[in-house]
Amino acid sequence: MKDTYVTLAEPCIGELKDRGSKFIAYGYTVHSEAEIKQHLETLKKENFKACHFCYAYRLGLDGKKYRANDDGEPSGTAGRPILGQIDSFGLSNVLLVVVRYYGGTKLGTSGLKNAYKGAAKDAFEQANTIEKIVENYYNITFDYAQTSDVMNFLKSEGYNILESTYEEKTVLKVAVRLTDVELFSNKIKKIDQVKLEEIA
């Protein structure tokens, strides 16, 4: 099972000029369509004189959620070349928007494809990327008597305790990488009177 993906470490920007038209590429890390919509709205406000806002995104660990949008350019000349660059760089949870300022000369379909692809490529070539590990989060609840057993288990297996609450019962919030979930769950349940709850 795969539990890592590569994404942008921070927003990136790239640019390409062709026969008077200017293509500015903006790349972002995103996790939802709501975030994508927000970035598009912001770019449209900041670049209100631009004529096209073409974009592509790929979301999720498996990258199965994606979209390519030509925003009024001839079909297949903008969104697809942008998506192609996202895939070429092996990225996920990424949005790339190419903002076009028209320069008065038509570029033709091959010219447009090259321009949108080139702007996207320029942005990604300058970007810093990062490999992210997908984790599930759990609350472990137990009595004082189980403290040493639980703590020894977590320490020996190298699990991170994110939060801890010590009241009538102890509650620990831990992060577990996706590939370890089954093993973690089976082992923690072997400790007496320990309650395990997955949290969002």
Foldseek 3Di string as FASTA:
>chain_A
DDFKAKAFPAKWWFWDDDQQKIKIKIKGQAADVVVVVVVVVVVCVVCVQFDAKWKKAFADPVRPDIDGGGRPDPPPQARVLLVVLCVVVRHHSMMMIITMHDGPDDLPSVRSNCRNNVRSNRGVVPTDMDMDGHKWKKKKKAAPVCVVVVVVVCVVVVWDFPDWDDDRIIITMTIDGPVCVVVVVVVVVVRPGMDMDTDD
